[in-house]
Amino acid sequence: MSNFIKATNDQMFKAIFTPKKNRKLLKELITRSLKNVKEINLENLKILSSEIPKNNINIKGKTVDVLAETKDGILNIELNNGYYPSLHKRNAGYIFSKYSEEIKVNETYDKMKTFIQINFTKGLGKKVREVEVYTLKNEHNDTLYIDNLIIIEFNIDKIKKLWYNGDKELTFIAALDANIEELNKMSEGDEYMELFEKEVKRLNENQKFTAFMTPEEENEKLIKTLISEAKTEGELAGEKRGEKRGEQIGQRKNNLSVAKKLLKQKVSLDIIMNATGLSRKEIEALM
């Protein structure tokens, strides 16, 4: 199948896991993701609006990938098709917004729900373990500051490499970034994986769904985010120095920084040149 769209595409991911008819798939994805971390009752799982309400007109609107609720928990699932420095801050903002909202509407603090964010992330690098679990706790004795907030992050690239090396424990995560041939191997003898593979194939064969979806779209989103970050950081650097020369230095440093990040994402030199204003020679020196 040419131009096969993987489940690491935002729209593909949502089309697989958010429809009501696929609730079984979503529940199984959550159950497997929370294994050995947290047990949660998914019996009355329902999808909430992906729009996080704004409390201030000056605050940028937030849209999450999947937001769900059960009797005793709020679940936020984020698919991150590339890593950049402020990614964790952005994602934390999503789950903290829901936490804050619950505090306002709940009668007593002791009856608050459990808040869980599950991140599936590409581009984390080799130093990050395949699964990281984050909580708020005392760094000296591991005492939890609050016991109802958990953030879990899966390193998709590392997990897929483990799968290739014969470790099948997290195959359901590796499958998010699998092509059609890999999916055929992964799904054998696994009911969830077979259903997942069926949905991915069905959506890829739906021309109305795939007509406006290309791998370039995901790449473009990441590029725009990195460029935006570079501009913001450059402006802040200029403000701190309080002079034009400082602004120029700050902007150049951040253009070099964003160029490095784009190179890691295997973005073409021409795109990096247009995005940063750097010369081909300057960018090649970073490789």
Protein backbone atom coordinates (compact mmCIF):
# COMPACT_ATOMS: atom_id res chain seq x y z
CA MET A 1 0.00 0.00 0.00
CA SER A 2 1.66 3.25 -1.17
CA ASN A 3 1.70 6.34 1.08
CA PHE A 4 0.65 4.23 4.07
CA ILE A 5 -0.39 6.46 6.97
CA LYS A 6 0.76 5.18 10.35
CA ALA A 7 -1.09 5.60 13.63
CA THR A 8 1.53 8.14 14.72
CA ASN A 9 -0.34 10.58 12.49
CA ASP A 10 -2.57 12.72 14.75
CA GLN A 11 -5.69 12.37 12.65
CA MET A 12 -5.20 8.65 12.15
CA PHE A 13 -4.70 8.14 15.89
CA LYS A 14 -7.91 10.01 16.73
CA ALA A 15 -9.87 8.23 14.01
CA ILE A 16 -8.86 4.87 15.47
CA PHE A 17 -9.36 5.48 19.18
CA THR A 18 -12.10 8.11 19.61
CA PRO A 19 -15.15 6.69 17.73
CA LYS A 20 -17.73 5.07 20.00
CA LYS A 21 -17.64 1.85 17.97
CA ASN A 22 -13.95 1.51 18.85
CA ARG A 23 -14.35 1.95 22.60
CA LYS A 24 -12.98 -1.58 23.10
CA LEU A 25 -9.77 -0.54 21.35
CA LEU A 26 -9.37 2.57 23.49
CA LYS A 27 -10.00 0.67 26.71
CA GLU A 28 -7.43 -1.96 25.82
CA LEU A 29 -4.86 0.69 24.86
CA ILE A 30 -5.34 2.38 28.24
CA THR A 31 -5.30 -0.91 30.17
CA ARG A 32 -2.06 -2.03 28.56
CA SER A 33 -0.48 1.40 29.01
CA LEU A 34 -1.30 1.47 32.73
CA LYS A 35 -0.14 -2.08 33.44
CA ASN A 36 2.15 -2.14 36.50
CA VAL A 37 1.47 1.59 37.04
CA LYS A 38 -2.16 2.16 38.01
CA GLU A 39 -5.34 0.10 38.07
CA ILE A 40 -8.41 2.04 36.98
CA ASN A 41 -12.01 1.01 36.30
CA LEU A 42 -12.85 1.70 32.63
CA GLU A 43 -16.40 0.37 32.72
CA ASN A 44 -18.09 3.74 32.13
CA LEU A 45 -15.41 5.28 29.94
CA LYS A 46 -16.61 8.23 27.88
CA ILE A 47 -14.86 10.66 25.56
CA LEU A 48 -14.89 14.33 26.57
CA SER A 49 -14.48 17.39 24.37
CA SER A 50 -10.89 17.79 23.17
CA GLU A 51 -11.07 21.55 23.81
CA ILE A 52 -9.64 22.65 27.15
CA PRO A 53 -11.73 25.66 28.32
CA LYS A 54 -9.91 29.01 28.50
CA ASN A 55 -10.13 30.94 31.77
CA ASN A 56 -8.57 34.07 30.26
CA ILE A 57 -9.04 35.66 26.82
CA ASN A 58 -5.27 36.14 26.59
CA ILE A 59 -4.56 32.43 27.04
CA LYS A 60 -4.00 30.38 23.91
CA GLY A 61 -6.64 27.69 23.35
CA LYS A 62 -5.64 24.09 24.03
CA THR A 63 -6.76 21.03 22.09
CA VAL A 64 -5.81 17.59 23.37
CA ASP A 65 -5.62 14.36 21.37
CA VAL A 66 -7.86 12.20 23.56
CA LEU A 67 -9.61 13.24 26.76
CA ALA A 68 -11.70 10.63 28.55
CA GLU A 69 -13.45 10.18 31.87
CA THR A 70 -14.41 7.25 34.04
CA LYS A 71 -16.22 7.12 37.37
CA ASP A 72 -12.97 7.69 39.27
CA GLY A 73 -10.49 9.10 36.75
CA ILE A 74 -9.64 11.64 34.05
CA LEU A 75 -7.44 10.32 31.24
CA ASN A 76 -5.53 12.50 28.78
CA ILE A 77 -3.71 10.74 25.94
CA GLU A 78 -1.21 12.71 23.87
CA LEU A 79 0.45 11.54 20.66
CA ASN A 80 3.69 13.48 20.09
CA ASN A 81 5.13 12.94 16.64
CA GLY A 82 8.36 14.71 17.55
CA TYR A 83 10.14 16.00 20.64
CA TYR A 84 11.02 19.66 21.24
CA PRO A 85 12.17 21.43 24.45
CA SER A 86 8.78 22.77 25.56
CA LEU A 87 6.81 19.60 24.77
CA HIS A 88 6.58 18.44 28.39
CA LYS A 89 5.50 21.90 29.54
CA ARG A 90 2.78 21.97 26.89
CA ASN A 91 1.48 18.52 27.81
CA ALA A 92 1.66 19.26 31.53
CA GLY A 93 -0.47 22.33 30.85
CA TYR A 94 -3.23 20.10 29.50
CA ILE A 95 -3.48 17.77 32.48
CA PHE A 96 -2.95 20.56 35.03
CA SER A 97 -5.81 22.51 33.44
CA LYS A 98 -8.15 19.58 34.00
CA TYR A 99 -6.81 19.11 37.53
CA SER A 100 -7.49 22.77 38.31
CA GLU A 101 -10.97 22.50 36.84
CA GLU A 102 -11.76 19.51 39.07
CA ILE A 103 -10.63 21.41 42.18
CA LYS A 104 -13.13 24.16 41.38
CA VAL A 105 -16.15 21.89 40.91
CA ASN A 106 -15.40 19.23 43.52
CA GLU A 107 -17.00 19.56 46.95
CA THR A 108 -14.04 18.18 48.91
CA TYR A 109 -10.42 17.57 47.98
CA ASP A 110 -10.41 14.01 49.32
CA LYS A 111 -13.02 12.95 46.73
CA MET A 112 -11.07 14.14 43.69
CA LYS A 113 -10.56 11.81 40.76
CA THR A 114 -7.24 10.37 39.64
CA PHE A 115 -5.65 12.29 36.78
CA ILE A 116 -3.54 10.34 34.32
CA GLN A 117 -1.75 11.56 31.22
CA ILE A 118 -0.35 8.99 28.78
CA ASN A 119 2.19 10.33 26.28
CA PHE A 120 3.26 8.39 23.19
CA THR A 121 6.34 10.25 21.96
CA LYS A 122 8.77 10.03 19.05
CA GLY A 123 12.18 11.67 19.04
CA LEU A 124 12.96 11.33 22.76
CA GLY A 125 16.38 9.85 22.07
CA LYS A 126 18.37 6.93 23.44
CA LYS A 127 18.91 8.34 26.93
CA VAL A 128 15.19 8.23 27.78
CA ARG A 129 13.97 4.81 28.90
CA GLU A 130 11.22 3.02 26.99
CA VAL A 131 8.71 3.89 29.74
CA GLU A 132 8.99 6.81 32.18
CA VAL A 133 6.52 7.40 35.04
CA TYR A 134 6.29 10.84 36.62
CA THR A 135 4.61 11.91 39.87
CA LEU A 136 4.96 14.86 42.24
CA LYS A 137 7.00 13.67 45.19
CA ASN A 138 9.71 14.62 47.67
CA GLU A 139 13.13 14.17 46.07
CA HIS A 140 14.70 13.03 49.35
CA ASN A 141 12.34 10.31 50.56
CA ASP A 142 9.94 9.70 47.64
CA THR A 143 6.92 10.88 49.66
CA LEU A 144 4.12 11.83 47.27
CA TYR A 145 3.06 15.47 47.37
CA ILE A 146 -0.27 14.48 45.80
CA ASP A 147 -1.37 10.93 45.12
CA ASN A 148 -3.84 11.49 42.28
CA LEU A 149 -1.66 12.73 39.41
CA ILE A 150 0.41 10.44 37.17
CA ILE A 151 2.16 11.14 33.87
CA ILE A 152 3.43 8.22 31.80
CA GLU A 153 5.59 8.61 28.70
CA PHE A 154 6.41 5.92 26.15
CA ASN A 155 9.52 6.30 23.98
CA ILE A 156 8.10 5.01 20.69
CA ASP A 157 11.43 4.84 18.85
CA LYS A 158 13.12 2.83 21.59
CA ILE A 159 10.13 0.51 21.98
CA LYS A 160 10.04 -0.18 18.25
CA LYS A 161 13.75 -1.03 18.31
CA LEU A 162 13.10 -3.42 21.22
CA TRP A 163 10.38 -5.08 19.15
CA TYR A 164 12.82 -5.59 16.28
CA ASN A 165 15.22 -7.20 18.77
CA GLY A 166 12.58 -9.69 19.89
CA ASP A 167 11.10 -7.94 22.96
CA LYS A 168 7.32 -8.16 22.44
CA GLU A 169 6.12 -6.76 25.78
CA LEU A 170 5.28 -3.31 24.39
CA THR A 171 4.33 -4.36 20.87
CA PHE A 172 1.05 -2.44 21.16
CA ILE A 173 3.12 0.79 21.37
CA ALA A 174 5.49 -0.18 18.56
CA ALA A 175 2.40 -0.79 16.42
CA LEU A 176 1.58 2.92 16.47
CA ASP A 177 4.63 3.52 14.28
CA ALA A 178 4.36 0.35 12.20
CA ASN A 179 3.94 0.07 8.45
CA ILE A 180 1.60 -2.47 6.90
CA GLU A 181 4.19 -5.27 6.73
CA GLU A 182 5.18 -4.75 10.36
CA LEU A 183 1.54 -4.70 11.47
CA ASN A 184 0.96 -8.08 9.82
CA LYS A 185 3.72 -9.58 11.98
CA MET A 186 2.72 -7.78 15.17
CA SER A 187 -0.95 -8.72 15.12
CA GLU A 188 -0.60 -12.50 14.95
CA GLY A 189 -2.48 -14.19 17.82
CA ASP A 190 -3.40 -10.93 19.58
CA GLU A 191 -7.09 -9.97 19.44
CA TYR A 192 -6.46 -6.30 20.24
CA MET A 193 -3.66 -6.03 17.67
CA GLU A 194 -5.76 -7.71 15.01
CA LEU A 195 -8.57 -5.23 15.59
CA PHE A 196 -6.09 -2.34 15.59
CA GLU A 197 -4.54 -3.53 12.32
CA LYS A 198 -7.99 -3.87 10.76
CA GLU A 199 -8.86 -0.25 11.65
CA VAL A 200 -5.55 1.14 10.36
CA LYS A 201 -5.98 -0.69 7.06
CA ARG A 202 -9.63 0.33 6.74
CA LEU A 203 -8.81 4.00 7.24
CA ASN A 204 -5.89 3.85 4.83
CA GLU A 205 -8.22 2.42 2.19
CA ASN A 206 -10.76 5.20 2.77
CA GLN A 207 -9.90 7.78 0.11
CA LYS A 208 -12.09 10.45 1.70
CA PHE A 209 -10.08 10.09 4.91
CA THR A 210 -6.61 9.98 3.35
CA ALA A 211 -7.14 12.59 0.62
CA PHE A 212 -5.84 15.47 2.72
CA MET A 213 -3.43 13.57 4.91
CA THR A 214 0.23 13.34 4.04
CA PRO A 215 3.39 12.65 6.07
CA GLU A 216 4.49 16.19 5.14
CA GLU A 217 1.64 17.64 7.22
CA GLU A 218 3.01 16.13 10.43
CA ASN A 219 6.51 17.34 9.52
CA GLU A 220 5.19 20.84 8.82
CA LYS A 221 3.47 21.00 12.23
CA LEU A 222 6.72 20.14 13.98
CA ILE A 223 8.69 22.66 11.93
CA LYS A 224 6.21 25.44 12.74
CA THR A 225 6.40 24.61 16.45
CA LEU A 226 10.20 24.67 16.48
CA ILE A 227 10.33 27.93 14.51
CA SER A 228 7.82 29.52 16.88
CA GLU A 229 9.93 28.43 19.84
CA ALA A 230 13.09 29.86 18.30
CA LYS A 231 11.43 33.22 17.68
CA THR A 232 10.06 33.39 21.23
CA GLU A 233 13.39 32.46 22.77
CA GLY A 234 15.18 34.98 20.55
CA GLU A 235 12.82 37.75 21.64
CA LEU A 236 13.35 36.87 25.31
CA ALA A 237 17.12 36.88 24.83
CA GLY A 238 16.89 40.31 23.23
CA GLU A 239 14.75 41.65 26.07
CA LYS A 240 17.25 40.46 28.66
CA ARG A 241 20.13 42.18 26.89
CA GLY A 242 18.04 45.26 26.19
CA GLU A 243 19.89 46.13 22.98
CA LYS A 244 19.74 45.42 19.26
CA ARG A 245 23.05 43.59 19.21
CA GLY A 246 21.79 41.33 21.98
CA GLU A 247 18.65 40.58 20.00
CA GLN A 248 20.70 39.62 16.96
CA ILE A 249 22.96 37.34 18.97
CA GLY A 250 20.02 35.75 20.75
CA GLN A 251 18.17 35.17 17.47
CA ARG A 252 21.21 33.63 15.79
CA LYS A 253 21.83 31.26 18.71
CA ASN A 254 18.26 30.11 18.61
CA ASN A 255 18.26 29.76 14.83
CA LEU A 256 21.24 27.44 15.22
CA SER A 257 19.40 25.56 17.96
CA VAL A 258 16.27 25.08 15.87
CA ALA A 259 18.40 24.01 12.89
CA LYS A 260 19.91 21.24 15.03
CA LYS A 261 16.46 20.05 16.06
CA LEU A 262 15.21 20.03 12.47
CA LEU A 263 18.28 18.08 11.36
CA LYS A 264 17.47 15.44 13.99
CA GLN A 265 14.00 15.18 12.47
CA LYS A 266 15.66 14.64 9.04
CA VAL A 267 14.11 17.79 7.58
CA SER A 268 15.62 18.82 4.23
CA LEU A 269 18.36 21.47 4.16
CA ASP A 270 16.29 23.72 1.89
CA ILE A 271 13.42 23.82 4.41
CA ILE A 272 15.84 24.51 7.29
CA MET A 273 17.46 27.32 5.29
CA ASN A 274 14.07 28.94 4.67
CA ALA A 275 12.95 28.46 8.26
CA THR A 276 16.09 29.82 9.97
CA GLY A 277 17.77 32.12 7.46
CA LEU A 278 21.01 30.21 7.90
CA SER A 279 23.21 29.35 4.92
CA ARG A 280 23.66 25.80 3.65
CA LYS A 281 27.29 25.92 4.83
CA GLU A 282 26.27 26.96 8.36
CA ILE A 283 23.68 24.16 8.56
CA GLU A 284 26.04 21.52 7.14
CA ALA A 285 28.57 22.48 9.84
CA LEU A 286 26.00 21.34 12.43
CA MET A 287 25.66 17.85 10.91
